[in-house]
PDB file of N, CA and C in Angstrom:
ATOM      1  N   UNK A   1      -5.063   7.734 -17.816  1.00  0.00           N
ATOM      2  CA  UNK A   1      -5.730   8.206 -16.621  1.00  0.00           C
ATOM      3  C   UNK A   1      -7.200   7.815 -16.727  1.00  0.00           C
ATOM      4  N   UNK A   2      -7.704   7.249 -15.634  1.00  0.00           N
ATOM      5  CA  UNK A   2      -9.116   6.888 -15.572  1.00  0.00           C
ATOM      6  C   UNK A   2      -9.888   7.979 -14.851  1.00  0.00           C
ATOM      7  N   UNK A   3     -11.110   8.186 -15.270  1.00  0.00           N
ATOM      8  CA  UNK A   3     -11.965   9.181 -14.638  1.00  0.00           C
ATOM      9  C   UNK A   3     -13.162   8.495 -13.994  1.00  0.00           C
ATOM     10  N   UNK A   4     -13.656   9.072 -12.914  1.00  0.00           N
ATOM     11  CA  UNK A   4     -14.859   8.582 -12.255  1.00  0.00           C
ATOM     12  C   UNK A   4     -15.735   9.786 -11.953  1.00  0.00           C
ATOM     13  N   UNK A   5     -17.040   9.553 -11.951  1.00  0.00           N
ATOM     14  CA  UNK A   5     -17.990  10.627 -11.682  1.00  0.00           C
ATOM     15  C   UNK A   5     -18.681  10.350 -10.354  1.00  0.00           C
ATOM     16  N   UNK A   6     -18.820  11.380  -9.542  1.00  0.00           N
ATOM     17  CA  UNK A   6     -19.499  11.266  -8.261  1.00  0.00           C
ATOM     18  C   UNK A   6     -21.003  11.204  -8.502  1.00  0.00           C
ATOM     19  N   UNK A   7     -21.662  10.179  -7.935  1.00  0.00           N
ATOM     20  CA  UNK A   7     -23.111  10.030  -8.131  1.00  0.00           C
ATOM     21  C   UNK A   7     -23.872  10.957  -7.189  1.00  0.00           C
ATOM     22  N   UNK A   8     -25.179  10.978  -7.345  1.00  0.00           N
ATOM     23  CA  UNK A   8     -26.019  11.813  -6.474  1.00  0.00           C
ATOM     24  C   UNK A   8     -25.978  11.331  -5.024  1.00  0.00           C
ATOM     25  N   UNK A   9     -25.537  10.078  -4.810  1.00  0.00           N
ATOM     26  CA  UNK A   9     -25.405   9.529  -3.463  1.00  0.00           C
ATOM     27  C   UNK A   9     -23.953   9.608  -2.968  1.00  0.00           C
ATOM     28  N   UNK A  10     -23.142  10.433  -3.619  1.00  0.00           N
ATOM     29  CA  UNK A  10     -21.728  10.626  -3.272  1.00  0.00           C
ATOM     30  C   UNK A  10     -20.924   9.337  -3.408  1.00  0.00           C
ATOM     31  N   UNK A  11     -21.255   8.516  -4.392  1.00  0.00           N
ATOM     32  CA  UNK A  11     -20.547   7.268  -4.646  1.00  0.00           C
ATOM     33  C   UNK A  11     -19.737   7.392  -5.931  1.00  0.00           C
ATOM     34  N   UNK A  12     -18.624   6.650  -5.979  1.00  0.00           N
ATOM     35  CA  UNK A  12     -17.848   6.565  -7.212  1.00  0.00           C
ATOM     36  C   UNK A  12     -17.649   5.097  -7.562  1.00  0.00           C
ATOM     37  N   UNK A  13     -17.408   4.842  -8.831  1.00  0.00           N
ATOM     38  CA  UNK A  13     -17.100   3.500  -9.292  1.00  0.00           C
ATOM     39  C   UNK A  13     -15.624   3.497  -9.684  1.00  0.00           C
ATOM     40  N   UNK A  14     -14.870   2.585  -9.086  1.00  0.00           N
ATOM     41  CA  UNK A  14     -13.458   2.445  -9.453  1.00  0.00           C
ATOM     42  C   UNK A  14     -13.415   1.687 -10.772  1.00  0.00           C
ATOM     43  N   UNK A  15     -12.755   2.247 -11.785  1.00  0.00           N
ATOM     44  CA  UNK A  15     -12.725   1.603 -13.104  1.00  0.00           C
ATOM     45  C   UNK A  15     -12.180   0.169 -13.037  1.00  0.00           C
ATOM     46  N   UNK A  16     -12.753  -0.702 -13.850  1.00  0.00           N
ATOM     47  CA  UNK A  16     -12.410  -2.125 -13.847  1.00  0.00           C
ATOM     48  C   UNK A  16     -10.915  -2.397 -14.009  1.00  0.00           C
ATOM     49  N   UNK A  17     -10.190  -1.707 -14.908  1.00  0.00           N
ATOM     50  CA  UNK A  17      -8.756  -2.006 -15.037  1.00  0.00           C
ATOM     51  C   UNK A  17      -7.996  -1.767 -13.724  1.00  0.00           C
ATOM     52  N   UNK A  18      -8.388  -0.739 -12.977  1.00  0.00           N
ATOM     53  CA  UNK A  18      -7.727  -0.454 -11.701  1.00  0.00           C
ATOM     54  C   UNK A  18      -8.110  -1.510 -10.666  1.00  0.00           C
ATOM     55  N   UNK A  19      -9.385  -1.914 -10.646  1.00  0.00           N
ATOM     56  CA  UNK A  19      -9.812  -2.971  -9.718  1.00  0.00           C
ATOM     57  C   UNK A  19      -9.059  -4.262  -9.990  1.00  0.00           C
ATOM     58  N   UNK A  20      -8.891  -4.592 -11.251  1.00  0.00           N
ATOM     59  CA  UNK A  20      -8.144  -5.816 -11.598  1.00  0.00           C
ATOM     60  C   UNK A  20      -6.674  -5.688 -11.203  1.00  0.00           C
ATOM     61  N   UNK A  21      -6.074  -4.536 -11.489  1.00  0.00           N
ATOM     62  CA  UNK A  21      -4.652  -4.319 -11.188  1.00  0.00           C
ATOM     63  C   UNK A  21      -4.379  -4.469  -9.691  1.00  0.00           C
ATOM     64  N   UNK A  22      -5.279  -3.946  -8.856  1.00  0.00           N
ATOM     65  CA  UNK A  22      -5.102  -3.986  -7.404  1.00  0.00           C
ATOM     66  C   UNK A  22      -5.815  -5.162  -6.751  1.00  0.00           C
ATOM     67  N   UNK A  23      -6.451  -5.998  -7.571  1.00  0.00           N
ATOM     68  CA  UNK A  23      -7.185  -7.163  -7.074  1.00  0.00           C
ATOM     69  C   UNK A  23      -8.216  -6.754  -6.021  1.00  0.00           C
ATOM     70  N   UNK A  24      -8.981  -5.710  -6.333  1.00  0.00           N
ATOM     71  CA  UNK A  24     -10.034  -5.230  -5.433  1.00  0.00           C
ATOM     72  C   UNK A  24     -11.325  -5.951  -5.777  1.00  0.00           C
ATOM     73  N   UNK A  25     -11.927  -6.532  -4.745  1.00  0.00           N
ATOM     74  CA  UNK A  25     -13.158  -7.285  -4.926  1.00  0.00           C
ATOM     75  C   UNK A  25     -14.241  -6.740  -4.006  1.00  0.00           C
ATOM     76  N   UNK A  26     -15.513  -7.026  -4.284  1.00  0.00           N
ATOM     77  CA  UNK A  26     -16.587  -6.572  -3.400  1.00  0.00           C
ATOM     78  C   UNK A  26     -16.337  -7.028  -1.962  1.00  0.00           C
ATOM     79  N   UNK A  27     -16.510  -6.116  -1.038  1.00  0.00           N
ATOM     80  CA  UNK A  27     -16.290  -6.409   0.376  1.00  0.00           C
ATOM     81  C   UNK A  27     -14.917  -5.998   0.881  1.00  0.00           C
ATOM     82  N   UNK A  28     -13.955  -5.748  -0.035  1.00  0.00           N
ATOM     83  CA  UNK A  28     -12.633  -5.283   0.389  1.00  0.00           C
ATOM     84  C   UNK A  28     -12.761  -3.903   1.017  1.00  0.00           C
ATOM     85  N   UNK A  29     -11.920  -3.636   2.002  1.00  0.00           N
ATOM     86  CA  UNK A  29     -11.919  -2.322   2.633  1.00  0.00           C
ATOM     87  C   UNK A  29     -10.870  -1.448   1.963  1.00  0.00           C
ATOM     88  N   UNK A  30     -11.215  -0.169   1.797  1.00  0.00           N
ATOM     89  CA  UNK A  30     -10.317   0.798   1.181  1.00  0.00           C
ATOM     90  C   UNK A  30     -10.057   1.927   2.171  1.00  0.00           C
ATOM     91  N   UNK A  31      -8.816   2.376   2.213  1.00  0.00           N
ATOM     92  CA  UNK A  31      -8.441   3.508   3.062  1.00  0.00           C
ATOM     93  C   UNK A  31      -8.475   4.762   2.199  1.00  0.00           C
ATOM     94  N   UNK A  32      -9.191   5.777   2.649  1.00  0.00           N
ATOM     95  CA  UNK A  32      -9.325   7.010   1.878  1.00  0.00           C
ATOM     96  C   UNK A  32      -8.771   8.159   2.701  1.00  0.00           C
ATOM     97  N   UNK A  33      -7.808   8.880   2.141  1.00  0.00           N
ATOM     98  CA  UNK A  33      -7.225  10.033   2.820  1.00  0.00           C
ATOM     99  C   UNK A  33      -7.276  11.237   1.879  1.00  0.00           C
ATOM    100  N   UNK A  34      -7.253  12.416   2.482  1.00  0.00           N
ATOM    101  CA  UNK A  34      -7.239  13.648   1.698  1.00  0.00           C
ATOM    102  C   UNK A  34      -6.182  14.576   2.258  1.00  0.00           C
ATOM    103  N   UNK A  35      -5.357  15.115   1.370  1.00  0.00           N
ATOM    104  CA  UNK A  35      -4.331  16.072   1.763  1.00  0.00           C
ATOM    105  C   UNK A  35      -4.225  17.114   0.663  1.00  0.00           C
ATOM    106  N   UNK A  36      -4.249  18.356   1.068  1.00  0.00           N
ATOM    107  CA  UNK A  36      -4.301  19.457   0.111  1.00  0.00           C
ATOM    108  C   UNK A  36      -5.511  19.237  -0.795  1.00  0.00           C
ATOM    109  N   UNK A  37      -5.303  19.095  -2.074  1.00  0.00           N
ATOM    110  CA  UNK A  37      -6.414  18.921  -2.998  1.00  0.00           C
ATOM    111  C   UNK A  37      -6.362  17.533  -3.651  1.00  0.00           C
ATOM    112  N   UNK A  38      -5.801  16.546  -2.901  1.00  0.00           N
ATOM    113  CA  UNK A  38      -5.595  15.209  -3.450  1.00  0.00           C
ATOM    114  C   UNK A  38      -6.292  14.172  -2.575  1.00  0.00           C
ATOM    115  N   UNK A  39      -7.063  13.302  -3.192  1.00  0.00           N
ATOM    116  CA  UNK A  39      -7.694  12.181  -2.505  1.00  0.00           C
ATOM    117  C   UNK A  39      -6.923  10.928  -2.883  1.00  0.00           C
ATOM    118  N   UNK A  40      -6.546  10.142  -1.877  1.00  0.00           N
ATOM    119  CA  UNK A  40      -5.831   8.895  -2.111  1.00  0.00           C
ATOM    120  C   UNK A  40      -6.691   7.749  -1.611  1.00  0.00           C
ATOM    121  N   UNK A  41      -6.844   6.731  -2.446  1.00  0.00           N
ATOM    122  CA  UNK A  41      -7.590   5.535  -2.074  1.00  0.00           C
ATOM    123  C   UNK A  41      -6.632   4.359  -2.147  1.00  0.00           C
ATOM    124  N   UNK A  42      -6.520   3.618  -1.035  1.00  0.00           N
ATOM    125  CA  UNK A  42      -5.637   2.451  -0.986  1.00  0.00           C
ATOM    126  C   UNK A  42      -6.409   1.236  -0.509  1.00  0.00           C
ATOM    127  N   UNK A  43      -6.050   0.102  -1.064  1.00  0.00           N
ATOM    128  CA  UNK A  43      -6.628  -1.146  -0.585  1.00  0.00           C
ATOM    129  C   UNK A  43      -5.971  -1.454   0.757  1.00  0.00           C
ATOM    130  N   UNK A  44      -6.787  -1.726   1.768  1.00  0.00           N
ATOM    131  CA  UNK A  44      -6.221  -2.070   3.072  1.00  0.00           C
ATOM    132  C   UNK A  44      -5.860  -3.545   3.077  1.00  0.00           C
ATOM    133  N   UNK A  45      -4.795  -3.894   3.781  1.00  0.00           N
ATOM    134  CA  UNK A  45      -4.421  -5.306   3.858  1.00  0.00           C
ATOM    135  C   UNK A  45      -5.475  -6.097   4.632  1.00  0.00           C
ATOM    136  N   UNK A  46      -5.558  -7.380   4.350  1.00  0.00           N
ATOM    137  CA  UNK A  46      -6.527  -8.233   5.023  1.00  0.00           C
ATOM    138  C   UNK A  46      -6.165  -8.471   6.488  1.00  0.00           C
ATOM    139  N   UNK A  47      -4.868  -8.429   6.797  1.00  0.00           N
ATOM    140  CA  UNK A  47      -4.445  -8.696   8.167  1.00  0.00           C
ATOM    141  C   UNK A  47      -3.156  -7.949   8.451  1.00  0.00           C
ATOM    142  N   UNK A  48      -2.760  -7.945   9.700  1.00  0.00           N
ATOM    143  CA  UNK A  48      -1.493  -7.315  10.076  1.00  0.00           C
ATOM    144  C   UNK A  48      -0.328  -8.024   9.395  1.00  0.00           C
ATOM    145  N   UNK A  49      -0.430  -9.323   9.235  1.00  0.00           N
ATOM    146  CA  UNK A  49       0.620 -10.090   8.559  1.00  0.00           C
ATOM    147  C   UNK A  49       0.769  -9.629   7.113  1.00  0.00           C
ATOM    148  N   UNK A  50      -0.350  -9.401   6.436  1.00  0.00           N
ATOM    149  CA  UNK A  50      -0.297  -8.899   5.059  1.00  0.00           C
ATOM    150  C   UNK A  50       0.340  -7.519   5.002  1.00  0.00           C
ATOM    151  N   UNK A  51       0.033  -6.676   5.973  1.00  0.00           N
ATOM    152  CA  UNK A  51       0.607  -5.331   6.013  1.00  0.00           C
ATOM    153  C   UNK A  51       2.115  -5.404   6.209  1.00  0.00           C
ATOM    154  N   UNK A  52       2.567  -6.261   7.105  1.00  0.00           N
ATOM    155  CA  UNK A  52       4.012  -6.417   7.322  1.00  0.00           C
ATOM    156  C   UNK A  52       4.689  -6.987   6.085  1.00  0.00           C
ATOM    157  N   UNK A  53       4.044  -7.940   5.445  1.00  0.00           N
ATOM    158  CA  UNK A  53       4.614  -8.538   4.246  1.00  0.00           C
ATOM    159  C   UNK A  53       4.753  -7.508   3.133  1.00  0.00           C
ATOM    160  N   UNK A  54       3.800  -6.596   3.036  1.00  0.00           N
ATOM    161  CA  UNK A  54       3.834  -5.576   1.990  1.00  0.00           C
ATOM    162  C   UNK A  54       5.006  -4.621   2.142  1.00  0.00           C
ATOM    163  N   UNK A  55       5.462  -4.386   3.365  1.00  0.00           N
ATOM    164  CA  UNK A  55       6.564  -3.443   3.569  1.00  0.00           C
ATOM    165  C   UNK A  55       7.882  -4.144   3.881  1.00  0.00           C
ATOM    166  N   UNK A  56       7.908  -5.455   3.855  1.00  0.00           N
ATOM    167  CA  UNK A  56       9.111  -6.182   4.263  1.00  0.00           C
ATOM    168  C   UNK A  56      10.318  -5.890   3.374  1.00  0.00           C
ATOM    169  N   UNK A  57      10.112  -5.718   2.084  1.00  0.00           N
ATOM    170  CA  UNK A  57      11.244  -5.436   1.200  1.00  0.00           C
ATOM    171  C   UNK A  57      11.966  -4.163   1.616  1.00  0.00           C
ATOM    172  N   UNK A  58      11.211  -3.132   1.967  1.00  0.00           N
ATOM    173  CA  UNK A  58      11.814  -1.864   2.373  1.00  0.00           C
ATOM    174  C   UNK A  58      12.524  -1.991   3.719  1.00  0.00           C
ATOM    175  N   UNK A  59      11.922  -2.729   4.644  1.00  0.00           N
ATOM    176  CA  UNK A  59      12.504  -2.864   5.985  1.00  0.00           C
ATOM    177  C   UNK A  59      13.846  -3.571   5.927  1.00  0.00           C
ATOM    178  N   UNK A  60      13.928  -4.649   5.157  1.00  0.00           N
ATOM    179  CA  UNK A  60      15.130  -5.476   5.152  1.00  0.00           C
ATOM    180  C   UNK A  60      16.112  -5.114   4.050  1.00  0.00           C
ATOM    181  N   UNK A  61      15.828  -4.065   3.282  1.00  0.00           N
ATOM    182  CA  UNK A  61      16.734  -3.656   2.214  1.00  0.00           C
ATOM    183  C   UNK A  61      18.081  -3.266   2.808  1.00  0.00           C
ATOM    184  N   UNK A  62      19.157  -3.793   2.264  1.00  0.00           N
ATOM    185  CA  UNK A  62      20.547  -3.536   2.700  1.00  0.00           C
ATOM    186  C   UNK A  62      20.833  -4.028   4.114  1.00  0.00           C
ATOM    187  N   UNK A  63      19.982  -4.897   4.652  1.00  0.00           N
ATOM    188  CA  UNK A  63      20.193  -5.370   6.025  1.00  0.00           C
ATOM    189  C   UNK A  63      21.464  -6.186   6.157  1.00  0.00           C
ATOM    190  N   UNK A  64      21.784  -7.001   5.150  1.00  0.00           N
ATOM    191  CA  UNK A  64      22.995  -7.818   5.213  1.00  0.00           C
ATOM    192  C   UNK A  64      24.230  -6.945   5.358  1.00  0.00           C
ATOM    193  N   UNK A  65      24.270  -5.854   4.622  1.00  0.00           N
ATOM    194  CA  UNK A  65      25.409  -4.939   4.689  1.00  0.00           C
ATOM    195  C   UNK A  65      25.520  -4.323   6.086  1.00  0.00           C
ATOM    196  N   UNK A  66      24.389  -3.865   6.636  1.00  0.00           N
ATOM    197  CA  UNK A  66      24.397  -3.277   7.983  1.00  0.00           C
ATOM    198  C   UNK A  66      24.812  -4.307   9.024  1.00  0.00           C
ATOM    199  N   UNK A  67      24.349  -5.535   8.878  1.00  0.00           N
ATOM    200  CA  UNK A  67      24.695  -6.598   9.816  1.00  0.00           C
ATOM    201  C   UNK A  67      26.186  -6.906   9.757  1.00  0.00           C
ATOM    202  N   UNK A  68      26.742  -6.992   8.543  1.00  0.00           N
ATOM    203  CA  UNK A  68      28.184  -7.231   8.394  1.00  0.00           C
ATOM    204  C   UNK A  68      29.001  -6.106   9.015  1.00  0.00           C
ATOM    205  N   UNK A  69      28.584  -4.858   8.807  1.00  0.00           N
ATOM    206  CA  UNK A  69      29.297  -3.724   9.390  1.00  0.00           C
ATOM    207  C   UNK A  69      29.254  -3.787  10.919  1.00  0.00           C
ATOM    208  N   UNK A  70      28.119  -4.132  11.478  1.00  0.00           N
ATOM    209  CA  UNK A  70      27.995  -4.243  12.932  1.00  0.00           C
ATOM    210  C   UNK A  70      28.874  -5.371  13.460  1.00  0.00           C
ATOM    211  N   UNK A  71      28.903  -6.497  12.769  1.00  0.00           N
ATOM    212  CA  UNK A  71      29.764  -7.623  13.183  1.00  0.00           C
ATOM    213  C   UNK A  71      31.221  -7.226  13.143  1.00  0.00           C
ATOM    214  N   UNK A  72      31.607  -6.494  12.098  1.00  0.00           N
ATOM    215  CA  UNK A  72      32.999  -6.073  11.975  1.00  0.00           C
ATOM    216  C   UNK A  72      33.414  -5.138  13.112  1.00  0.00           C
ATOM    217  N   UNK A  73      32.501  -4.291  13.563  1.00  0.00           N
ATOM    218  CA  UNK A  73      32.806  -3.410  14.690  1.00  0.00           C
ATOM    219  C   UNK A  73      33.039  -4.190  15.980  1.00  0.00           C
ATOM    220  N   UNK A  74      32.276  -5.262  16.174  1.00  0.00           N
ATOM    221  CA  UNK A  74      32.420  -6.060  17.388  1.00  0.00           C
ATOM    222  C   UNK A  74      33.703  -6.878  17.378  1.00  0.00           C
ATOM    223  N   UNK A  75      34.118  -7.330  16.197  1.00  0.00           N
ATOM    224  CA  UNK A  75      35.306  -8.187  16.111  1.00  0.00           C
ATOM    225  C   UNK A  75      36.581  -7.383  15.985  1.00  0.00           C
ATOM    226  N   UNK A  76      36.479  -6.106  15.743  1.00  0.00           N
ATOM    227  CA  UNK A  76      37.687  -5.282  15.567  1.00  0.00           C
ATOM    228  C   UNK A  76      38.297  -4.886  16.895  1.00  0.00           C
TER     229      UNK A  76
END
C-alpha cells in the first residue's frame, strides 16, 4: 500500500510505482469521486474510442454463445 500526504495547498503526489503502472503522465486528466469514506482516482481515457476499447471485453463476453442461441431460436 502506498501512502500520500496532503500538502498545505491540498495537493497530493501519486507515488511513482502507481504512475508507472497506470501510465499516468503530466497533463493526463484524472477522475476523482468520493463515496462514503473512500476517494477513488481513475485515469480518464484520452477519447471516447479509448473508453469503449477499455470496456469492450466485458461488453462482448459470451456474445458468440448468445448469438448462437438467438440463431437457433429463429431456425427452430
